[in-house]
Amino acid sequence: MPSNGLSVARFAGEIHGQRVLSFRGPLTLDNLSSFQTALQTEGAPVIIVDLAEVPYVDSAGLGSLVGTYVSRHKAGKQMILTGVNDRVLRLFEITGVEPLFLMFPSIDGAIDALTHPASA
């Protein structure tokens, strides 16, 4: 894979209507199209976006994440982020978008919170 490539793997979640999208590679302007296509074509009511293998996000990637959140929220759908590393989390904090996102350290943590909401 090229150093600037971004790939996605899709998995069905453990509960009906849930989908996991696991991304690998940096989320930048260079590969934004594949990221946006993956998210925009996902119609599941709940998507878990796993960023554990995403080393960094640039401003275009950040804009895409926020735009996807807003679109899904308006449609009554949910987007959860998992595996957000310190570098990406710092970007969220600096830009003030951190409160928008429901985040968990792992996919399992997100699935557990969705399955057992009282423990979240």
PDB file of N, CA and C in Angstrom:
ATOM      1  N   MET A   1       0.851  -1.172   0.000  1.00  0.00           N
ATOM      2  CA  MET A   1       0.000   0.000   0.000  1.00  0.00           C
ATOM      3  C   MET A   1       0.895   1.232   0.000  1.00  0.00           C
ATOM      4  N   PRO A   2       0.553   2.256  -0.781  1.00  0.00           N
ATOM      5  CA  PRO A   2       1.329   3.477  -0.764  1.00  0.00           C
ATOM      6  C   PRO A   2       1.251   4.130   0.610  1.00  0.00           C
ATOM      7  N   SER A   3       2.264   4.925   0.932  1.00  0.00           N
ATOM      8  CA  SER A   3       2.309   5.539   2.255  1.00  0.00           C
ATOM      9  C   SER A   3       1.135   6.468   2.515  1.00  0.00           C
ATOM     10  N   ASN A   4       0.521   6.992   1.464  1.00  0.00           N
ATOM     11  CA  ASN A   4      -0.613   7.887   1.680  1.00  0.00           C
ATOM     12  C   ASN A   4      -1.942   7.190   1.431  1.00  0.00           C
ATOM     13  N   GLY A   5      -1.944   5.858   1.281  1.00  0.00           N
ATOM     14  CA  GLY A   5      -3.169   5.136   1.003  1.00  0.00           C
ATOM     15  C   GLY A   5      -4.045   4.995   2.228  1.00  0.00           C
ATOM     16  N   LEU A   6      -5.327   4.870   1.980  1.00  0.00           N
ATOM     17  CA  LEU A   6      -6.304   4.655   3.038  1.00  0.00           C
ATOM     18  C   LEU A   6      -7.167   3.495   2.603  1.00  0.00           C
ATOM     19  N   SER A   7      -7.304   2.504   3.455  1.00  0.00           N
ATOM     20  CA  SER A   7      -8.164   1.374   3.129  1.00  0.00           C
ATOM     21  C   SER A   7      -9.235   1.244   4.201  1.00  0.00           C
ATOM     22  N   VAL A   8     -10.313   0.544   3.848  1.00  0.00           N
ATOM     23  CA  VAL A   8     -11.411   0.340   4.789  1.00  0.00           C
ATOM     24  C   VAL A   8     -11.836  -1.118   4.760  1.00  0.00           C
ATOM     25  N   ALA A   9     -12.152  -1.625   5.928  1.00  0.00           N
ATOM     26  CA  ALA A   9     -12.748  -2.952   6.059  1.00  0.00           C
ATOM     27  C   ALA A   9     -14.094  -2.758   6.742  1.00  0.00           C
ATOM     28  N   ARG A  10     -15.111  -3.458   6.256  1.00  0.00           N
ATOM     29  CA  ARG A  10     -16.463  -3.337   6.818  1.00  0.00           C
ATOM     30  C   ARG A  10     -16.827  -4.622   7.543  1.00  0.00           C
ATOM     31  N   PHE A  11     -17.462  -4.451   8.697  1.00  0.00           N
ATOM     32  CA  PHE A  11     -17.910  -5.594   9.488  1.00  0.00           C
ATOM     33  C   PHE A  11     -19.311  -5.319  10.000  1.00  0.00           C
ATOM     34  N   ALA A  12     -20.125  -6.354  10.069  1.00  0.00           N
ATOM     35  CA  ALA A  12     -21.434  -6.216  10.701  1.00  0.00           C
ATOM     36  C   ALA A  12     -21.218  -6.147  12.202  1.00  0.00           C
ATOM     37  N   GLY A  13     -21.989  -5.320  12.862  1.00  0.00           N
ATOM     38  CA  GLY A  13     -21.897  -5.228  14.315  1.00  0.00           C
ATOM     39  C   GLY A  13     -22.660  -6.366  14.973  1.00  0.00           C
ATOM     40  N   GLU A  14     -22.591  -6.417  16.286  1.00  0.00           N
ATOM     41  CA  GLU A  14     -23.242  -7.485  17.034  1.00  0.00           C
ATOM     42  C   GLU A  14     -24.729  -7.259  17.214  1.00  0.00           C
ATOM     43  N   ILE A  15     -25.196  -6.035  17.027  1.00  0.00           N
ATOM     44  CA  ILE A  15     -26.625  -5.784  17.135  1.00  0.00           C
ATOM     45  C   ILE A  15     -27.149  -5.316  15.790  1.00  0.00           C
ATOM     46  N   HIS A  16     -28.430  -5.557  15.552  1.00  0.00           N
ATOM     47  CA  HIS A  16     -29.040  -5.208  14.273  1.00  0.00           C
ATOM     48  C   HIS A  16     -28.900  -3.710  13.995  1.00  0.00           C
ATOM     49  N   GLY A  17     -28.557  -3.387  12.758  1.00  0.00           N
ATOM     50  CA  GLY A  17     -28.466  -1.995  12.350  1.00  0.00           C
ATOM     51  C   GLY A  17     -27.147  -1.320  12.670  1.00  0.00           C
ATOM     52  N   GLN A  18     -26.176  -2.106  13.045  1.00  0.00           N
ATOM     53  CA  GLN A  18     -24.875  -1.550  13.425  1.00  0.00           C
ATOM     54  C   GLN A  18     -23.816  -2.013  12.423  1.00  0.00           C
ATOM     55  N   ARG A  19     -22.915  -1.111  12.073  1.00  0.00           N
ATOM     56  CA  ARG A  19     -21.852  -1.446  11.128  1.00  0.00           C
ATOM     57  C   ARG A  19     -20.543  -0.881  11.645  1.00  0.00           C
ATOM     58  N   VAL A  20     -19.464  -1.640  11.471  1.00  0.00           N
ATOM     59  CA  VAL A  20     -18.129  -1.193  11.860  1.00  0.00           C
ATOM     60  C   VAL A  20     -17.326  -0.938  10.592  1.00  0.00           C
ATOM     61  N   LEU A  21     -16.753   0.252  10.481  1.00  0.00           N
ATOM     62  CA  LEU A  21     -15.864   0.601   9.379  1.00  0.00           C
ATOM     63  C   LEU A  21     -14.485   0.832   9.985  1.00  0.00           C
ATOM     64  N   SER A  22     -13.560  -0.017   9.635  1.00  0.00           N
ATOM     65  CA  SER A  22     -12.215   0.063  10.194  1.00  0.00           C
ATOM     66  C   SER A  22     -11.263   0.607   9.131  1.00  0.00           C
ATOM     67  N   PHE A  23     -10.708   1.781   9.393  1.00  0.00           N
ATOM     68  CA  PHE A  23      -9.841   2.449   8.425  1.00  0.00           C
ATOM     69  C   PHE A  23      -8.377   2.218   8.769  1.00  0.00           C
ATOM     70  N   ARG A  24      -7.553   2.218   7.723  1.00  0.00           N
ATOM     71  CA  ARG A  24      -6.108   2.036   7.900  1.00  0.00           C
ATOM     72  C   ARG A  24      -5.383   3.004   6.969  1.00  0.00           C
ATOM     73  N   GLY A  25      -4.534   3.846   7.554  1.00  0.00           N
ATOM     74  CA  GLY A  25      -3.785   4.833   6.789  1.00  0.00           C
ATOM     75  C   GLY A  25      -4.202   6.237   7.188  1.00  0.00           C
ATOM     76  N   PRO A  26      -3.434   7.242   6.794  1.00  0.00           N
ATOM     77  CA  PRO A  26      -3.751   8.624   7.154  1.00  0.00           C
ATOM     78  C   PRO A  26      -5.011   9.113   6.446  1.00  0.00           C
ATOM     79  N   LEU A  27      -5.753   9.959   7.135  1.00  0.00           N
ATOM     80  CA  LEU A  27      -6.959  10.559   6.566  1.00  0.00           C
ATOM     81  C   LEU A  27      -6.596  11.977   6.142  1.00  0.00           C
ATOM     82  N   THR A  28      -6.328  12.135   4.840  1.00  0.00           N
ATOM     83  CA  THR A  28      -5.847  13.412   4.309  1.00  0.00           C
ATOM     84  C   THR A  28      -6.595  13.780   3.035  1.00  0.00           C
ATOM     85  N   LEU A  29      -6.348  14.975   2.566  1.00  0.00           N
ATOM     86  CA  LEU A  29      -6.950  15.444   1.324  1.00  0.00           C
ATOM     87  C   LEU A  29      -6.679  14.476   0.175  1.00  0.00           C
ATOM     88  N   ASP A  30      -5.497  13.872   0.163  1.00  0.00           N
ATOM     89  CA  ASP A  30      -5.114  12.966  -0.923  1.00  0.00           C
ATOM     90  C   ASP A  30      -6.018  11.750  -1.046  1.00  0.00           C
ATOM     91  N   ASN A  31      -6.601  11.293   0.051  1.00  0.00           N
ATOM     92  CA  ASN A  31      -7.419  10.086  -0.011  1.00  0.00           C
ATOM     93  C   ASN A  31      -8.822  10.288   0.553  1.00  0.00           C
ATOM     94  N   LEU A  32      -9.235  11.527   0.613  1.00  0.00           N
ATOM     95  CA  LEU A  32     -10.527  11.873   1.192  1.00  0.00           C
ATOM     96  C   LEU A  32     -11.695  11.234   0.451  1.00  0.00           C
ATOM     97  N   SER A  33     -11.576  11.106  -0.845  1.00  0.00           N
ATOM     98  CA  SER A  33     -12.673  10.565  -1.647  1.00  0.00           C
ATOM     99  C   SER A  33     -13.077   9.164  -1.193  1.00  0.00           C
ATOM    100  N   SER A  34     -12.100   8.291  -0.966  1.00  0.00           N
ATOM    101  CA  SER A  34     -12.432   6.925  -0.553  1.00  0.00           C
ATOM    102  C   SER A  34     -13.052   6.906   0.843  1.00  0.00           C
ATOM    103  N   PHE A  35     -12.601   7.790   1.715  1.00  0.00           N
ATOM    104  CA  PHE A  35     -13.162   7.885   3.060  1.00  0.00           C
ATOM    105  C   PHE A  35     -14.615   8.342   2.992  1.00  0.00           C
ATOM    106  N   GLN A  36     -14.861   9.415   2.243  1.00  0.00           N
ATOM    107  CA  GLN A  36     -16.215   9.947   2.135  1.00  0.00           C
ATOM    108  C   GLN A  36     -17.161   8.946   1.489  1.00  0.00           C
ATOM    109  N   THR A  37     -16.697   8.270   0.460  1.00  0.00           N
ATOM    110  CA  THR A  37     -17.535   7.270  -0.202  1.00  0.00           C
ATOM    111  C   THR A  37     -17.923   6.167   0.771  1.00  0.00           C
ATOM    112  N   ALA A  38     -16.958   5.683   1.536  1.00  0.00           N
ATOM    113  CA  ALA A  38     -17.236   4.611   2.500  1.00  0.00           C
ATOM    114  C   ALA A  38     -18.281   5.045   3.522  1.00  0.00           C
ATOM    115  N   LEU A  39     -18.169   6.263   4.021  1.00  0.00           N
ATOM    116  CA  LEU A  39     -19.107   6.731   5.039  1.00  0.00           C
ATOM    117  C   LEU A  39     -20.467   7.103   4.456  1.00  0.00           C
ATOM    118  N   GLN A  40     -20.472   7.745   3.302  1.00  0.00           N
ATOM    119  CA  GLN A  40     -21.730   8.205   2.718  1.00  0.00           C
ATOM    120  C   GLN A  40     -22.588   7.070   2.183  1.00  0.00           C
ATOM    121  N   THR A  41     -21.960   5.976   1.801  1.00  0.00           N
ATOM    122  CA  THR A  41     -22.736   4.857   1.268  1.00  0.00           C
ATOM    123  C   THR A  41     -23.203   3.908   2.363  1.00  0.00           C
ATOM    124  N   GLU A  42     -22.819   4.178   3.589  1.00  0.00           N
ATOM    125  CA  GLU A  42     -23.214   3.316   4.702  1.00  0.00           C
ATOM    126  C   GLU A  42     -24.524   3.808   5.293  1.00  0.00           C
ATOM    127  N   GLY A  43     -25.569   3.044   5.090  1.00  0.00           N
ATOM    128  CA  GLY A  43     -26.892   3.456   5.540  1.00  0.00           C
ATOM    129  C   GLY A  43     -27.304   2.932   6.898  1.00  0.00           C
ATOM    130  N   ALA A  44     -26.450   2.177   7.561  1.00  0.00           N
ATOM    131  CA  ALA A  44     -26.800   1.611   8.867  1.00  0.00           C
ATOM    132  C   ALA A  44     -27.135   2.723   9.859  1.00  0.00           C
ATOM    133  N   PRO A  45     -28.091   2.490  10.745  1.00  0.00           N
ATOM    134  CA  PRO A  45     -28.447   3.501  11.738  1.00  0.00           C
ATOM    135  C   PRO A  45     -27.289   3.876  12.667  1.00  0.00           C
ATOM    136  N   VAL A  46     -26.407   2.914  12.925  1.00  0.00           N
ATOM    137  CA  VAL A  46     -25.253   3.161  13.793  1.00  0.00           C
ATOM    138  C   VAL A  46     -23.998   2.700  13.065  1.00  0.00           C
ATOM    139  N   ILE A  47     -23.034   3.612  12.918  1.00  0.00           N
ATOM    140  CA  ILE A  47     -21.735   3.185  12.394  1.00  0.00           C
ATOM    141  C   ILE A  47     -20.672   3.464  13.447  1.00  0.00           C
ATOM    142  N   ILE A  48     -19.799   2.488  13.578  1.00  0.00           N
ATOM    143  CA  ILE A  48     -18.631   2.622  14.440  1.00  0.00           C
ATOM    144  C   ILE A  48     -17.450   2.816  13.503  1.00  0.00           C
ATOM    145  N   VAL A  49     -16.820   3.971  13.588  1.00  0.00           N
ATOM    146  CA  VAL A  49     -15.688   4.303  12.727  1.00  0.00           C
ATOM    147  C   VAL A  49     -14.416   4.069  13.538  1.00  0.00           C
ATOM    148  N   ASP A  50     -13.719   2.994  13.201  1.00  0.00           N
ATOM    149  CA  ASP A  50     -12.504   2.633  13.925  1.00  0.00           C
ATOM    150  C   ASP A  50     -11.303   3.328  13.293  1.00  0.00           C
ATOM    151  N   LEU A  51     -10.648   4.174  14.079  1.00  0.00           N
ATOM    152  CA  LEU A  51      -9.492   4.940  13.609  1.00  0.00           C
ATOM    153  C   LEU A  51      -8.187   4.456  14.242  1.00  0.00           C
ATOM    154  N   ALA A  52      -8.185   3.254  14.803  1.00  0.00           N
ATOM    155  CA  ALA A  52      -6.998   2.741  15.500  1.00  0.00           C
ATOM    156  C   ALA A  52      -5.771   2.667  14.596  1.00  0.00           C
ATOM    157  N   GLU A  53      -5.976   2.468  13.306  1.00  0.00           N
ATOM    158  CA  GLU A  53      -4.861   2.362  12.360  1.00  0.00           C
ATOM    159  C   GLU A  53      -4.709   3.622  11.500  1.00  0.00           C
ATOM    160  N   VAL A  54      -5.282   4.726  11.972  1.00  0.00           N
ATOM    161  CA  VAL A  54      -5.163   6.016  11.278  1.00  0.00           C
ATOM    162  C   VAL A  54      -4.177   6.869  12.075  1.00  0.00           C
ATOM    163  N   PRO A  55      -2.943   7.033  11.571  1.00  0.00           N
ATOM    164  CA  PRO A  55      -1.918   7.735  12.351  1.00  0.00           C
ATOM    165  C   PRO A  55      -2.145   9.237  12.475  1.00  0.00           C
ATOM    166  N   TYR A  56      -2.762   9.841  11.473  1.00  0.00           N
ATOM    167  CA  TYR A  56      -3.033  11.273  11.551  1.00  0.00           C
ATOM    168  C   TYR A  56      -4.167  11.660  10.618  1.00  0.00           C
ATOM    169  N   VAL A  57      -4.741  12.839  10.921  1.00  0.00           N
ATOM    170  CA  VAL A  57      -5.858  13.400  10.166  1.00  0.00           C
ATOM    171  C   VAL A  57      -5.493  14.845   9.878  1.00  0.00           C
ATOM    172  N   ASP A  58      -5.637  15.276   8.609  1.00  0.00           N
ATOM    173  CA  ASP A  58      -5.386  16.688   8.302  1.00  0.00           C
ATOM    174  C   ASP A  58      -6.710  17.454   8.345  1.00  0.00           C
ATOM    175  N   SER A  59      -6.670  18.738   8.003  1.00  0.00           N
ATOM    176  CA  SER A  59      -7.869  19.573   8.111  1.00  0.00           C
ATOM    177  C   SER A  59      -8.992  19.098   7.197  1.00  0.00           C
ATOM    178  N   ALA A  60      -8.654  18.578   6.026  1.00  0.00           N
ATOM    179  CA  ALA A  60      -9.682  18.061   5.116  1.00  0.00           C
ATOM    180  C   ALA A  60     -10.348  16.825   5.718  1.00  0.00           C
ATOM    181  N   GLY A  61      -9.547  15.959   6.313  1.00  0.00           N
ATOM    182  CA  GLY A  61     -10.093  14.773   6.971  1.00  0.00           C
ATOM    183  C   GLY A  61     -10.975  15.145   8.146  1.00  0.00           C
ATOM    184  N   LEU A  62     -10.536  16.131   8.916  1.00  0.00           N
ATOM    185  CA  LEU A  62     -11.328  16.611  10.044  1.00  0.00           C
ATOM    186  C   LEU A  62     -12.673  17.147   9.557  1.00  0.00           C
ATOM    187  N   GLY A  63     -12.630  17.940   8.493  1.00  0.00           N
ATOM    188  CA  GLY A  63     -13.866  18.473   7.926  1.00  0.00           C
ATOM    189  C   GLY A  63     -14.808  17.373   7.473  1.00  0.00           C
ATOM    190  N   SER A  64     -14.261  16.319   6.912  1.00  0.00           N
ATOM    191  CA  SER A  64     -15.082  15.202   6.465  1.00  0.00           C
ATOM    192  C   SER A  64     -15.718  14.470   7.644  1.00  0.00           C
ATOM    193  N   LEU A  65     -14.953  14.272   8.708  1.00  0.00           N
ATOM    194  CA  LEU A  65     -15.510  13.636   9.907  1.00  0.00           C
ATOM    195  C   LEU A  65     -16.652  14.465  10.490  1.00  0.00           C
ATOM    196  N   VAL A  66     -16.437  15.766  10.607  1.00  0.00           N
ATOM    197  CA  VAL A  66     -17.467  16.647  11.157  1.00  0.00           C
ATOM    198  C   VAL A  66     -18.688  16.676  10.239  1.00  0.00           C
ATOM    199  N   GLY A  67     -18.458  16.792   8.933  1.00  0.00           N
ATOM    200  CA  GLY A  67     -19.566  16.801   7.980  1.00  0.00           C
ATOM    201  C   GLY A  67     -20.383  15.525   8.032  1.00  0.00           C
ATOM    202  N   THR A  68     -19.713  14.396   8.162  1.00  0.00           N
ATOM    203  CA  THR A  68     -20.415  13.119   8.261  1.00  0.00           C
ATOM    204  C   THR A  68     -21.220  13.052   9.547  1.00  0.00           C
ATOM    205  N   TYR A  69     -20.626  13.510  10.637  1.00  0.00           N
ATOM    206  CA  TYR A  69     -21.352  13.538  11.908  1.00  0.00           C
ATOM    207  C   TYR A  69     -22.633  14.369  11.766  1.00  0.00           C
ATOM    208  N   VAL A  70     -22.517  15.566  11.214  1.00  0.00           N
ATOM    209  CA  VAL A  70     -23.666  16.464  11.077  1.00  0.00           C
ATOM    210  C   VAL A  70     -24.744  15.828  10.199  1.00  0.00           C
ATOM    211  N   SER A  71     -24.356  15.268   9.066  1.00  0.00           N
ATOM    212  CA  SER A  71     -25.321  14.636   8.155  1.00  0.00           C
ATOM    213  C   SER A  71     -26.044  13.483   8.831  1.00  0.00           C
ATOM    214  N   ARG A  72     -25.293  12.629   9.508  1.00  0.00           N
ATOM    215  CA  ARG A  72     -25.901  11.474  10.178  1.00  0.00           C
ATOM    216  C   ARG A  72     -26.799  11.930  11.331  1.00  0.00           C
ATOM    217  N   HIS A  73     -26.355  12.924  12.085  1.00  0.00           N
ATOM    218  CA  HIS A  73     -27.147  13.424  13.204  1.00  0.00           C
ATOM    219  C   HIS A  73     -28.487  13.979  12.712  1.00  0.00           C
ATOM    220  N   LYS A  74     -28.457  14.750  11.636  1.00  0.00           N
ATOM    221  CA  LYS A  74     -29.690  15.312  11.067  1.00  0.00           C
ATOM    222  C   LYS A  74     -30.636  14.223  10.579  1.00  0.00           C
ATOM    223  N   ALA A  75     -30.074  13.094  10.144  1.00  0.00           N
ATOM    224  CA  ALA A  75     -30.880  11.976   9.644  1.00  0.00           C
ATOM    225  C   ALA A  75     -31.296  11.019  10.770  1.00  0.00           C
ATOM    226  N   GLY A  76     -30.966  11.360  12.015  1.00  0.00           N
ATOM    227  CA  GLY A  76     -31.319  10.507  13.142  1.00  0.00           C
ATOM    228  C   GLY A  76     -30.451   9.267  13.260  1.00  0.00           C
ATOM    229  N   LYS A  77     -29.264   9.332  12.676  1.00  0.00           N
ATOM    230  CA  LYS A  77     -28.333   8.202  12.717  1.00  0.00           C
ATOM    231  C   LYS A  77     -27.144   8.561  13.600  1.00  0.00           C
ATOM    232  N   GLN A  78     -26.436   7.544  14.029  1.00  0.00           N
ATOM    233  CA  GLN A  78     -25.349   7.748  14.980  1.00  0.00           C
ATOM    234  C   GLN A  78     -24.007   7.346  14.380  1.00  0.00           C
ATOM    235  N   MET A  79     -22.964   8.088  14.750  1.00  0.00           N
ATOM    236  CA  MET A  79     -21.596   7.763  14.365  1.00  0.00           C
ATOM    237  C   MET A  79     -20.740   7.777  15.627  1.00  0.00           C
ATOM    238  N   ILE A  80     -20.050   6.667  15.856  1.00  0.00           N
ATOM    239  CA  ILE A  80     -19.192   6.519  17.024  1.00  0.00           C
ATOM    240  C   ILE A  80     -17.759   6.332  16.537  1.00  0.00           C
ATOM    241  N   LEU A  81     -16.815   6.974  17.198  1.00  0.00           N
ATOM    242  CA  LEU A  81     -15.404   6.817  16.854  1.00  0.00           C
ATOM    243  C   LEU A  81     -14.715   5.927  17.881  1.00  0.00           C
ATOM    244  N   THR A  82     -13.828   5.058  17.395  1.00  0.00           N
ATOM    245  CA  THR A  82     -13.037   4.223  18.293  1.00  0.00           C
ATOM    246  C   THR A  82     -11.568   4.289  17.887  1.00  0.00           C
ATOM    247  N   GLY A  83     -10.707   3.984  18.850  1.00  0.00           N
ATOM    248  CA  GLY A  83      -9.281   3.891  18.566  1.00  0.00           C
ATOM    249  C   GLY A  83      -8.618   5.200  18.193  1.00  0.00           C
ATOM    250  N   VAL A  84      -9.165   6.319  18.637  1.00  0.00           N
ATOM    251  CA  VAL A  84      -8.605   7.634  18.299  1.00  0.00           C
ATOM    252  C   VAL A  84      -7.287   7.810  19.062  1.00  0.00           C
ATOM    253  N   ASN A  85      -6.197   7.995  18.329  1.00  0.00           N
ATOM    254  CA  ASN A  85      -4.892   8.142  18.988  1.00  0.00           C
ATOM    255  C   ASN A  85      -4.720   9.557  19.553  1.00  0.00           C
ATOM    256  N   ASP A  86      -3.670   9.735  20.339  1.00  0.00           N
ATOM    257  CA  ASP A  86      -3.433  11.021  21.011  1.00  0.00           C
ATOM    258  C   ASP A  86      -3.276  12.178  20.030  1.00  0.00           C
ATOM    259  N   ARG A  87      -2.622  11.926  18.918  1.00  0.00           N
ATOM    260  CA  ARG A  87      -2.394  12.986  17.924  1.00  0.00           C
ATOM    261  C   ARG A  87      -3.721  13.473  17.338  1.00  0.00           C
ATOM    262  N   VAL A  88      -4.587  12.547  16.987  1.00  0.00           N
ATOM    263  CA  VAL A  88      -5.887  12.906  16.412  1.00  0.00           C
ATOM    264  C   VAL A  88      -6.779  13.522  17.486  1.00  0.00           C
ATOM    265  N   LEU A  89      -6.748  12.972  18.685  1.00  0.00           N
ATOM    266  CA  LEU A  89      -7.538  13.535  19.777  1.00  0.00           C
ATOM    267  C   LEU A  89      -7.123  14.976  20.054  1.00  0.00           C
ATOM    268  N   ARG A  90      -5.842  15.246  20.012  1.00  0.00           N
ATOM    269  CA  ARG A  90      -5.350  16.618  20.227  1.00  0.00           C
ATOM    270  C   ARG A  90      -5.892  17.562  19.147  1.00  0.00           C
ATOM    271  N   LEU A  91      -5.949  17.093  17.906  1.00  0.00           N
ATOM    272  CA  LEU A  91      -6.537  17.887  16.824  1.00  0.00           C
ATOM    273  C   LEU A  91      -8.000  18.202  17.137  1.00  0.00           C
ATOM    274  N   PHE A  92      -8.745  17.202  17.610  1.00  0.00           N
ATOM    275  CA  PHE A  92     -10.149  17.417  17.979  1.00  0.00           C
ATOM    276  C   PHE A  92     -10.260  18.465  19.085  1.00  0.00           C
ATOM    277  N   GLU A  93      -9.372  18.386  20.070  1.00  0.00           N
ATOM    278  CA  GLU A  93      -9.401  19.328  21.193  1.00  0.00           C
ATOM    279  C   GLU A  93      -9.067  20.744  20.740  1.00  0.00           C
ATOM    280  N   ILE A  94      -8.008  20.885  19.958  1.00  0.00           N
ATOM    281  CA  ILE A  94      -7.567  22.207  19.499  1.00  0.00           C
ATOM    282  C   ILE A  94      -8.642  22.890  18.662  1.00  0.00           C
ATOM    283  N   THR A  95      -9.315  22.122  17.827  1.00  0.00           N
ATOM    284  CA  THR A  95     -10.321  22.692  16.928  1.00  0.00           C
ATOM    285  C   THR A  95     -11.706  22.778  17.567  1.00  0.00           C
ATOM    286  N   GLY A  96     -11.851  22.243  18.768  1.00  0.00           N
ATOM    287  CA  GLY A  96     -13.119  22.350  19.488  1.00  0.00           C
ATOM    288  C   GLY A  96     -14.205  21.390  19.042  1.00  0.00           C
ATOM    289  N   VAL A  97     -13.855  20.365  18.287  1.00  0.00           N
ATOM    290  CA  VAL A  97     -14.884  19.429  17.807  1.00  0.00           C
ATOM    291  C   VAL A  97     -14.997  18.179  18.674  1.00  0.00           C
ATOM    292  N   GLU A  98     -14.121  18.026  19.636  1.00  0.00           N
ATOM    293  CA  GLU A  98     -14.146  16.816  20.471  1.00  0.00           C
ATOM    294  C   GLU A  98     -15.531  16.524  21.064  1.00  0.00           C
ATOM    295  N   PRO A  99     -16.263  17.530  21.577  1.00  0.00           N
ATOM    296  CA  PRO A  99     -17.570  17.234  22.173  1.00  0.00           C
ATOM    297  C   PRO A  99     -18.608  16.662  21.190  1.00  0.00           C
ATOM    298  N   LEU A 100     -18.400  16.847  19.901  1.00  0.00           N
ATOM    299  CA  LEU A 100     -19.345  16.304  18.922  1.00  0.00           C
ATOM    300  C   LEU A 100     -19.370  14.783  18.923  1.00  0.00           C
ATOM    301  N   PHE A 101     -18.211  14.187  19.129  1.00  0.00           N
ATOM    302  CA  PHE A 101     -18.060  12.761  18.887  1.00  0.00           C
ATOM    303  C   PHE A 101     -18.191  11.930  20.156  1.00  0.00           C
ATOM    304  N   LEU A 102     -18.945  10.846  20.031  1.00  0.00           N
ATOM    305  CA  LEU A 102     -18.967   9.823  21.062  1.00  0.00           C
ATOM    306  C   LEU A 102     -17.793   8.912  20.744  1.00  0.00           C
ATOM    307  N   MET A 103     -16.843   8.790  21.687  1.00  0.00           N
ATOM    308  CA  MET A 103     -15.611   8.041  21.419  1.00  0.00           C
ATOM    309  C   MET A 103     -15.386   6.977  22.481  1.00  0.00           C
ATOM    310  N   PHE A 104     -14.836   5.858  22.024  1.00  0.00           N
ATOM    311  CA  PHE A 104     -14.460   4.756  22.900  1.00  0.00           C
ATOM    312  C   PHE A 104     -13.059   4.300  22.519  1.00  0.00           C
ATOM    313  N   PRO A 105     -12.310   3.753  23.476  1.00  0.00           N
ATOM    314  CA  PRO A 105     -10.954   3.298  23.167  1.00  0.00           C
ATOM    315  C   PRO A 105     -10.911   2.151  22.160  1.00  0.00           C
ATOM    316  N   SER A 106     -11.968   1.329  22.143  1.00  0.00           N
ATOM    317  CA  SER A 106     -11.949   0.145  21.278  1.00  0.00           C
ATOM    318  C   SER A 106     -13.322  -0.122  20.676  1.00  0.00           C
ATOM    319  N   ILE A 107     -13.334  -0.945  19.638  1.00  0.00           N
ATOM    320  CA  ILE A 107     -14.598  -1.377  19.032  1.00  0.00           C
ATOM    321  C   ILE A 107     -15.424  -2.123  20.067  1.00  0.00           C
ATOM    322  N   ASP A 108     -14.781  -3.017  20.811  1.00  0.00           N
ATOM    323  CA  ASP A 108     -15.498  -3.784  21.836  1.00  0.00           C
ATOM    324  C   ASP A 108     -16.148  -2.867  22.868  1.00  0.00           C
ATOM    325  N   GLY A 109     -15.451  -1.811  23.255  1.00  0.00           N
ATOM    326  CA  GLY A 109     -16.009  -0.856  24.205  1.00  0.00           C
ATOM    327  C   GLY A 109     -17.243  -0.161  23.659  1.00  0.00           C
ATOM    328  N   ALA A 110     -17.203   0.198  22.390  1.00  0.00           N
ATOM    329  CA  ALA A 110     -18.356   0.849  21.758  1.00  0.00           C
ATOM    330  C   ALA A 110     -19.530  -0.118  21.662  1.00  0.00           C
ATOM    331  N   ILE A 111     -19.255  -1.338  21.240  1.00  0.00           N
ATOM    332  CA  ILE A 111     -20.323  -2.337  21.114  1.00  0.00           C
ATOM    333  C   ILE A 111     -20.932  -2.629  22.481  1.00  0.00           C
ATOM    334  N   ASP A 112     -20.097  -2.736  23.500  1.00  0.00           N
ATOM    335  CA  ASP A 112     -20.600  -2.979  24.850  1.00  0.00           C
ATOM    336  C   ASP A 112     -21.507  -1.839  25.306  1.00  0.00           C
ATOM    337  N   ALA A 113     -21.105  -0.604  25.038  1.00  0.00           N
ATOM    338  CA  ALA A 113     -21.913   0.555  25.432  1.00  0.00           C
ATOM    339  C   ALA A 113     -23.246   0.578  24.688  1.00  0.00           C
ATOM    340  N   LEU A 114     -23.247   0.158  23.430  1.00  0.00           N
ATOM    341  CA  LEU A 114     -24.491   0.117  22.662  1.00  0.00           C
ATOM    342  C   LEU A 114     -25.394  -1.019  23.126  1.00  0.00           C
ATOM    343  N   THR A 115     -24.780  -2.119  23.513  1.00  0.00           N
ATOM    344  CA  THR A 115     -25.537  -3.285  23.946  1.00  0.00           C
ATOM    345  C   THR A 115     -26.064  -3.113  25.367  1.00  0.00           C
ATOM    346  N   HIS A 116     -25.290  -2.444  26.203  1.00  0.00           N
ATOM    347  CA  HIS A 116     -25.644  -2.220  27.609  1.00  0.00           C
ATOM    348  C   HIS A 116     -25.533  -0.726  27.912  1.00  0.00           C
ATOM    349  N   PRO A 117     -26.490   0.084  27.461  1.00  0.00           N
ATOM    350  CA  PRO A 117     -26.370   1.545  27.586  1.00  0.00           C
ATOM    351  C   PRO A 117     -26.175   2.047  29.015  1.00  0.00           C
ATOM    352  N   ALA A 118     -26.676   1.348  30.005  1.00  0.00           N
ATOM    353  CA  ALA A 118     -26.541   1.814  31.390  1.00  0.00           C
ATOM    354  C   ALA A 118     -25.094   1.800  31.862  1.00  0.00           C
ATOM    355  N   SER A 119     -24.243   0.979  31.224  1.00  0.00           N
ATOM    356  CA  SER A 119     -22.844   0.899  31.650  1.00  0.00           C
ATOM    357  C   SER A 119     -21.963   1.935  30.972  1.00  0.00           C
ATOM    358  N   ALA A 120     -22.502   2.677  30.009  1.00  0.00           N
ATOM    359  CA  ALA A 120     -21.706   3.667  29.269  1.00  0.00           C
ATOM    360  C   ALA A 120     -21.505   4.929  30.072  1.00  0.00           C
TER     361      ALA A 120
END
